[in-house]
Protein backbone atom coordinates (compact mmCIF):
# COMPACT_ATOMS: atom_id res chain seq x y z
CA UNK A 1 12.53 -3.33 -18.10
CA UNK A 2 10.44 -0.71 -19.85
CA UNK A 3 7.63 0.74 -17.77
CA UNK A 4 4.40 0.55 -19.75
CA UNK A 5 2.43 2.72 -17.36
CA UNK A 6 3.12 4.82 -14.29
CA UNK A 7 0.74 6.88 -12.19
CA UNK A 8 1.28 8.67 -8.89
CA UNK A 9 -1.59 9.12 -6.45
CA UNK A 10 -1.25 11.68 -3.64
CA UNK A 11 -2.76 10.43 -0.36
CA UNK A 12 -3.70 12.82 2.44
CA UNK A 13 -3.23 12.11 6.11
CA UNK A 14 -6.54 11.62 7.91
CA UNK A 15 -8.59 11.67 4.69
CA UNK A 16 -10.91 8.84 5.73
CA UNK A 17 -13.72 10.10 3.47
CA UNK A 18 -11.61 9.52 0.33
CA UNK A 19 -9.62 6.52 1.59
CA UNK A 20 -9.72 3.77 -1.01
CA UNK A 21 -10.06 6.03 -4.06
CA UNK A 22 -6.47 5.47 -5.24
CA UNK A 23 -6.72 1.68 -4.85
CA UNK A 24 -10.08 1.66 -6.67
CA UNK A 25 -8.53 3.60 -9.57
CA UNK A 26 -5.53 1.23 -9.61
CA UNK A 27 -7.86 -1.78 -9.78
CA UNK A 28 -9.85 -0.21 -12.64
CA UNK A 29 -6.70 0.63 -14.65
CA UNK A 30 -5.24 -2.86 -14.20
CA UNK A 31 -8.56 -4.42 -15.23
CA UNK A 32 -8.53 -2.28 -18.40
CA UNK A 33 -5.01 -3.58 -19.13
CA UNK A 34 -6.32 -7.16 -18.90
CA UNK A 35 -4.29 -8.12 -15.83
CA UNK A 36 -5.03 -11.67 -14.62
CA UNK A 37 -7.86 -11.81 -12.03
CA UNK A 38 -5.67 -13.48 -9.38
CA UNK A 39 -2.96 -10.81 -9.72
CA UNK A 40 -5.65 -8.12 -9.77
CA UNK A 41 -7.10 -9.39 -6.49
CA UNK A 42 -3.69 -9.48 -4.78
CA UNK A 43 -2.76 -5.98 -5.99
CA UNK A 44 -6.17 -4.68 -4.90
CA UNK A 45 -5.78 -5.99 -1.35
CA UNK A 46 -2.23 -4.65 -1.01
CA UNK A 47 -2.99 -1.24 -2.55
CA UNK A 48 -5.98 -0.73 -0.26
CA UNK A 49 -3.96 -1.71 2.82
CA UNK A 50 -1.04 0.56 1.96
CA UNK A 51 -3.35 3.45 1.07
CA UNK A 52 -5.11 3.14 4.44
CA UNK A 53 -1.73 3.07 6.19
CA UNK A 54 -0.88 6.38 4.50
CA UNK A 55 -4.19 7.87 5.70
CA UNK A 56 -3.95 6.51 9.25
CA UNK A 57 -0.27 6.59 10.15
CA UNK A 58 1.51 9.20 8.03
CA UNK A 59 1.49 12.93 7.49
CA UNK A 60 0.63 12.23 3.84
CA UNK A 61 2.44 10.68 0.96
CA UNK A 62 2.16 9.09 -2.44
CA UNK A 63 1.18 5.72 -3.85
CA UNK A 64 2.84 5.01 -7.20
CA UNK A 65 1.66 2.34 -9.64
CA UNK A 66 4.09 1.00 -12.23
CA UNK A 67 3.32 -1.68 -14.79
CA UNK A 68 5.91 -3.40 -16.95
CA UNK A 69 5.65 -6.57 -19.06
CA UNK A 70 6.65 -8.81 -16.12
CA UNK A 71 5.13 -7.24 -13.02
CA UNK A 72 2.98 -4.66 -11.32
CA UNK A 73 4.82 -2.54 -8.74
CA UNK A 74 3.35 -0.42 -5.95
CA UNK A 75 5.54 2.10 -4.14
CA UNK A 76 4.25 3.88 -1.06
CA UNK A 77 6.31 6.81 0.21
CA UNK A 78 5.26 8.89 3.17
CA UNK A 79 6.31 11.68 5.42
CA UNK A 80 5.61 10.43 8.86
CA UNK A 81 6.68 9.26 12.19
CA UNK A 82 8.45 6.23 10.75
CA UNK A 83 8.27 2.75 12.23
CA UNK A 84 10.56 2.18 15.22
CA UNK A 85 10.28 -1.64 15.15
CA UNK A 86 9.48 -3.08 11.72
CA UNK A 87 9.46 -6.70 12.98
CA UNK A 88 6.85 -5.80 15.59
CA UNK A 89 4.82 -3.82 13.03
CA UNK A 90 4.79 -6.89 10.76
CA UNK A 91 3.13 -8.96 13.51
CA UNK A 92 -0.53 -9.76 12.82
CA UNK A 93 -2.77 -7.85 15.20
CA UNK A 94 -0.16 -5.24 16.21
CA UNK A 95 -1.44 -1.72 15.58
CA UNK A 96 -0.58 1.85 16.46
CA UNK A 97 -3.78 3.22 14.89
CA UNK A 98 -5.36 6.15 16.69
CA UNK A 99 -8.83 6.15 18.25
CA UNK A 100 -10.41 7.84 15.23
CA UNK A 101 -9.17 5.07 12.91
CA UNK A 102 -10.35 2.35 15.30
CA UNK A 103 -13.77 3.99 15.69
CA UNK A 104 -14.13 3.88 11.89
CA UNK A 105 -13.28 0.16 11.86
CA UNK A 106 -9.63 0.45 10.77
CA UNK A 107 -6.43 -0.34 12.62
CA UNK A 108 -6.79 -4.09 13.16
CA UNK A 109 -3.07 -4.60 12.67
CA UNK A 110 -3.39 -6.64 9.48
CA UNK A 111 -2.21 -4.07 6.92
CA UNK A 112 1.50 -4.87 6.66
CA UNK A 113 1.02 -8.65 7.03
CA UNK A 114 -1.64 -8.56 4.27
CA UNK A 115 0.67 -6.58 1.99
CA UNK A 116 3.54 -9.04 2.50
CA UNK A 117 1.22 -12.04 2.02
CA UNK A 118 -0.16 -10.77 -1.30
CA UNK A 119 3.02 -9.40 -2.89
CA UNK A 120 5.52 -11.50 -4.82
CA UNK A 121 8.28 -9.26 -3.47
CA UNK A 122 7.92 -6.97 -0.43
CA UNK A 123 10.36 -4.45 1.00
CA UNK A 124 9.87 -1.90 3.75
CA UNK A 125 12.33 0.80 4.76
CA UNK A 126 11.57 3.22 7.56
CA UNK A 127 13.39 5.93 9.44
CA UNK A 128 11.91 7.30 12.66
CA UNK A 129 11.06 10.98 12.29
CA UNK A 130 11.44 10.85 8.49
CA UNK A 131 9.02 8.36 6.93
CA UNK A 132 8.47 4.97 5.41
CA UNK A 133 8.82 3.53 1.91
CA UNK A 134 7.13 0.27 1.00
CA UNK A 135 7.85 -1.39 -2.33
CA UNK A 136 5.74 -4.33 -3.48
CA UNK A 137 5.78 -6.17 -6.77
CA UNK A 138 3.37 -8.71 -8.18
CA UNK A 139 4.56 -11.09 -10.88
CA UNK A 140 2.32 -11.25 -13.95
CA UNK A 141 3.46 -14.76 -14.90
CA UNK A 142 3.67 -17.75 -12.59
C-alpha cells in the first residue's frame, strides 16, 4: 500500500515541558487530511499515550506517523530499559513511572492499555537493555 504521508518526530527523554507536541501536530495533520473524527480521536489518545511513554520511560526515541489510503499507523521506537514483563505492563494501573512523572500527574499505568484499546491493530516488541517498539494502526474504514 502506498504511503501518502510519513513524518518522524524525535521525542526526548524527560522532556515534560514539550510532551504532547508531537501528538498535537499529528492530530492537526490528520485533521487537515480530513480523517474521520472517530479515527482522529482514537489516534490522538494513542499518540499522546505513546509520546508520554517515550518521555517518561525511555532514553529517547522517535514517533513515526504514516498514512495510507486504508489506515493511519503510529510507530514508536525507543532506546531504553525495555520492558521485562509485557503482560504485566499491559495491566491497567501497573506503572514503573518515576517520582518526577508521578508528581507531574503522569504514570497512572493506563498508557499501554489505552493504546491497545484505541488501535485497530496493536503490537509491542521489547528487549531488556535495548528498547521497545510499538506499532499501532487505525483503520480508516469500518
